[in-house]
C-alpha atoms as a PDB file:
ATOM      1  CA  UNK A   1     -12.110   8.893  11.060  1.00  0.00           C
ATOM      2  CA  UNK A   2      -9.324   7.909   8.693  1.00  0.00           C
ATOM      3  CA  UNK A   3     -10.052   5.334   6.010  1.00  0.00           C
ATOM      4  CA  UNK A   4      -7.668   3.493   3.724  1.00  0.00           C
ATOM      5  CA  UNK A   5      -8.440   1.914   0.388  1.00  0.00           C
ATOM      6  CA  UNK A   6      -6.335  -0.044  -2.088  1.00  0.00           C
ATOM      7  CA  UNK A   7      -6.961  -0.283  -5.814  1.00  0.00           C
ATOM      8  CA  UNK A   8      -5.342  -1.563  -8.978  1.00  0.00           C
ATOM      9  CA  UNK A   9      -5.434  -5.307  -8.441  1.00  0.00           C
ATOM     10  CA  UNK A  10      -6.566  -7.847 -11.003  1.00  0.00           C
ATOM     11  CA  UNK A  11      -5.353 -10.686 -13.193  1.00  0.00           C
ATOM     12  CA  UNK A  12      -2.067  -9.913 -14.940  1.00  0.00           C
ATOM     13  CA  UNK A  13       0.537 -11.724 -17.000  1.00  0.00           C
ATOM     14  CA  UNK A  14       3.880 -12.696 -15.566  1.00  0.00           C
ATOM     15  CA  UNK A  15       6.771 -10.525 -16.653  1.00  0.00           C
ATOM     16  CA  UNK A  16       4.870  -7.285 -16.777  1.00  0.00           C
ATOM     17  CA  UNK A  17       4.586  -4.403 -14.327  1.00  0.00           C
ATOM     18  CA  UNK A  18       1.683  -3.581 -12.046  1.00  0.00           C
ATOM     19  CA  UNK A  19       0.787  -0.491 -10.083  1.00  0.00           C
ATOM     20  CA  UNK A  20      -1.341  -0.555  -6.967  1.00  0.00           C
ATOM     21  CA  UNK A  21      -2.598   2.554  -5.208  1.00  0.00           C
ATOM     22  CA  UNK A  22      -3.336   3.300  -1.581  1.00  0.00           C
ATOM     23  CA  UNK A  23      -5.423   6.324  -0.712  1.00  0.00           C
ATOM     24  CA  UNK A  24      -6.182   7.669   2.730  1.00  0.00           C
ATOM     25  CA  UNK A  25      -9.206   9.831   3.394  1.00  0.00           C
ATOM     26  CA  UNK A  26     -10.456  11.720   6.384  1.00  0.00           C
ATOM     27  CA  UNK A  27      -9.713  14.978   8.103  1.00  0.00           C
ATOM     28  CA  UNK A  28      -7.080  16.378  10.420  1.00  0.00           C
ATOM     29  CA  UNK A  29      -4.513  13.651  10.137  1.00  0.00           C
ATOM     30  CA  UNK A  30      -0.887  13.183   9.179  1.00  0.00           C
ATOM     31  CA  UNK A  31       0.867  10.034   8.006  1.00  0.00           C
ATOM     32  CA  UNK A  32       4.008   8.784   9.706  1.00  0.00           C
ATOM     33  CA  UNK A  33       4.516   5.657   7.608  1.00  0.00           C
ATOM     34  CA  UNK A  34       2.881   3.734   4.797  1.00  0.00           C
ATOM     35  CA  UNK A  35       3.593   0.055   4.289  1.00  0.00           C
ATOM     36  CA  UNK A  36       2.478  -2.506   1.753  1.00  0.00           C
ATOM     37  CA  UNK A  37       1.921  -6.112   2.772  1.00  0.00           C
ATOM     38  CA  UNK A  38       0.682  -9.115   0.873  1.00  0.00           C
ATOM     39  CA  UNK A  39      -0.867 -12.426   1.752  1.00  0.00           C
ATOM     40  CA  UNK A  40      -0.286 -15.253  -0.733  1.00  0.00           C
ATOM     41  CA  UNK A  41      -2.950 -17.974  -0.869  1.00  0.00           C
ATOM     42  CA  UNK A  42      -2.673 -20.234   2.170  1.00  0.00           C
ATOM     43  CA  UNK A  43       0.178 -18.239   3.686  1.00  0.00           C
ATOM     44  CA  UNK A  44       0.644 -15.551   6.284  1.00  0.00           C
ATOM     45  CA  UNK A  45       0.697 -11.875   5.553  1.00  0.00           C
ATOM     46  CA  UNK A  46       4.184 -10.554   4.779  1.00  0.00           C
ATOM     47  CA  UNK A  47       5.751  -7.133   4.472  1.00  0.00           C
ATOM     48  CA  UNK A  48       6.577  -6.021   0.936  1.00  0.00           C
ATOM     49  CA  UNK A  49       7.805  -2.431   1.017  1.00  0.00           C
ATOM     50  CA  UNK A  50       7.216   0.839   2.806  1.00  0.00           C
ATOM     51  CA  UNK A  51       8.018   4.498   3.083  1.00  0.00           C
ATOM     52  CA  UNK A  52       7.952   7.189   5.767  1.00  0.00           C
ATOM     53  CA  UNK A  53       5.328   9.881   5.541  1.00  0.00           C
ATOM     54  CA  UNK A  54       7.845  12.445   4.334  1.00  0.00           C
ATOM     55  CA  UNK A  55       9.295  10.144   1.694  1.00  0.00           C
ATOM     56  CA  UNK A  56       8.919  10.416  -2.048  1.00  0.00           C
ATOM     57  CA  UNK A  57      10.196   7.098  -3.365  1.00  0.00           C
ATOM     58  CA  UNK A  58      11.507   3.891  -1.832  1.00  0.00           C
ATOM     59  CA  UNK A  59      12.833   0.881  -3.728  1.00  0.00           C
ATOM     60  CA  UNK A  60      13.038  -2.646  -2.340  1.00  0.00           C
ATOM     61  CA  UNK A  61      14.112  -5.061  -5.050  1.00  0.00           C
ATOM     62  CA  UNK A  62      11.312  -5.307  -7.628  1.00  0.00           C
ATOM     63  CA  UNK A  63       9.016  -3.165  -5.486  1.00  0.00           C
ATOM     64  CA  UNK A  64       8.892   0.625  -5.661  1.00  0.00           C
ATOM     65  CA  UNK A  65       6.792   2.712  -3.302  1.00  0.00           C
ATOM     66  CA  UNK A  66       6.132   6.248  -4.464  1.00  0.00           C
ATOM     67  CA  UNK A  67       3.948   9.170  -3.484  1.00  0.00           C
ATOM     68  CA  UNK A  68       1.409  10.688  -5.851  1.00  0.00           C
ATOM     69  CA  UNK A  69       0.740  14.082  -4.302  1.00  0.00           C
ATOM     70  CA  UNK A  70      -1.876  15.039  -6.878  1.00  0.00           C
ATOM     71  CA  UNK A  71      -4.006  12.028  -5.956  1.00  0.00           C
ATOM     72  CA  UNK A  72      -2.989  11.917  -2.290  1.00  0.00           C
ATOM     73  CA  UNK A  73      -1.971   8.333  -2.825  1.00  0.00           C
ATOM     74  CA  UNK A  74       0.966   6.045  -2.169  1.00  0.00           C
ATOM     75  CA  UNK A  75       1.617   3.645  -5.033  1.00  0.00           C
ATOM     76  CA  UNK A  76       3.281   0.254  -5.106  1.00  0.00           C
ATOM     77  CA  UNK A  77       4.836  -0.663  -8.426  1.00  0.00           C
ATOM     78  CA  UNK A  78       5.900  -4.249  -8.985  1.00  0.00           C
ATOM     79  CA  UNK A  79       8.289  -5.000 -11.816  1.00  0.00           C
ATOM     80  CA  UNK A  80       8.771  -8.321 -13.599  1.00  0.00           C
ATOM     81  CA  UNK A  81       5.731  -9.947 -12.046  1.00  0.00           C
ATOM     82  CA  UNK A  82       6.009 -13.599 -11.062  1.00  0.00           C
ATOM     83  CA  UNK A  83       3.260 -16.125 -10.294  1.00  0.00           C
ATOM     84  CA  UNK A  84       4.491 -16.144  -6.697  1.00  0.00           C
ATOM     85  CA  UNK A  85       3.509 -12.459  -6.465  1.00  0.00           C
ATOM     86  CA  UNK A  86      -0.095 -13.642  -6.423  1.00  0.00           C
ATOM     87  CA  UNK A  87      -1.966 -12.647  -3.303  1.00  0.00           C
ATOM     88  CA  UNK A  88      -4.028  -9.999  -1.576  1.00  0.00           C
ATOM     89  CA  UNK A  89      -2.119  -6.767  -1.226  1.00  0.00           C
ATOM     90  CA  UNK A  90      -2.828  -4.574   1.789  1.00  0.00           C
ATOM     91  CA  UNK A  91      -1.916  -1.015   2.630  1.00  0.00           C
ATOM     92  CA  UNK A  92      -1.174  -0.085   6.232  1.00  0.00           C
ATOM     93  CA  UNK A  93      -0.969   3.519   7.369  1.00  0.00           C
ATOM     94  CA  UNK A  94       0.247   4.774  10.717  1.00  0.00           C
ATOM     95  CA  UNK A  95      -0.051   8.373  11.764  1.00  0.00           C
ATOM     96  CA  UNK A  96      -1.646  10.954  13.990  1.00  0.00           C
ATOM     97  CA  UNK A  97      -5.158  12.364  14.115  1.00  0.00           C
ATOM     98  CA  UNK A  98      -5.921  15.731  15.626  1.00  0.00           C
ATOM     99  CA  UNK A  99      -9.098  15.329  17.650  1.00  0.00           C
ATOM    100  CA  UNK A 100     -10.101  18.612  19.241  1.00  0.00           C
ATOM    101  CA  UNK A 101      -6.470  19.595  19.765  1.00  0.00           C
ATOM    102  CA  UNK A 102      -5.295  16.183  20.990  1.00  0.00           C
ATOM    103  CA  UNK A 103      -3.019  14.072  18.810  1.00  0.00           C
ATOM    104  CA  UNK A 104      -4.096  10.441  18.712  1.00  0.00           C
ATOM    105  CA  UNK A 105      -2.067   7.689  17.037  1.00  0.00           C
ATOM    106  CA  UNK A 106      -3.781   5.488  14.495  1.00  0.00           C
ATOM    107  CA  UNK A 107      -2.823   2.308  12.687  1.00  0.00           C
ATOM    108  CA  UNK A 108      -5.212   1.433   9.900  1.00  0.00           C
ATOM    109  CA  UNK A 109      -5.403  -1.318   7.284  1.00  0.00           C
ATOM    110  CA  UNK A 110      -7.232  -1.304   4.004  1.00  0.00           C
ATOM    111  CA  UNK A 111      -9.413  -4.221   2.917  1.00  0.00           C
ATOM    112  CA  UNK A 112      -6.883  -5.336   0.330  1.00  0.00           C
ATOM    113  CA  UNK A 113      -6.799  -5.793  -3.414  1.00  0.00           C
ATOM    114  CA  UNK A 114      -6.306  -9.173  -5.089  1.00  0.00           C
ATOM    115  CA  UNK A 115      -3.479  -9.651  -7.563  1.00  0.00           C
ATOM    116  CA  UNK A 116      -3.370 -12.843  -9.626  1.00  0.00           C
ATOM    117  CA  UNK A 117      -0.309 -13.388 -11.786  1.00  0.00           C
ATOM    118  CA  UNK A 118      -0.614 -15.980 -14.526  1.00  0.00           C
ATOM    119  CA  UNK A 119       2.341 -17.577 -16.258  1.00  0.00           C
END
């Protein structure tokens, strides 16, 4: 079974940077794509940034997704934080699991990490 976990959230000051991490654990799997989403208070979940499984770095505005091979993690760095960046940040991983020689697609979400940006 593949599991996904986010970390790095908390209460931060506007204007600064923040790094969130997404780690996947399990056996016999490969990642096709990693995406970060967020859900602001009272609003729907929205896509933030993402990267294919073979990628190293992807930049979307103030959001940079990068791979940390040493920690087997995909990080989301947010620059120049704004109060409107407040929300629960989720990691979504899509890939393939090898189950007794059969490749099975998976699409898994983490439980999220809360980011609160104060002005």
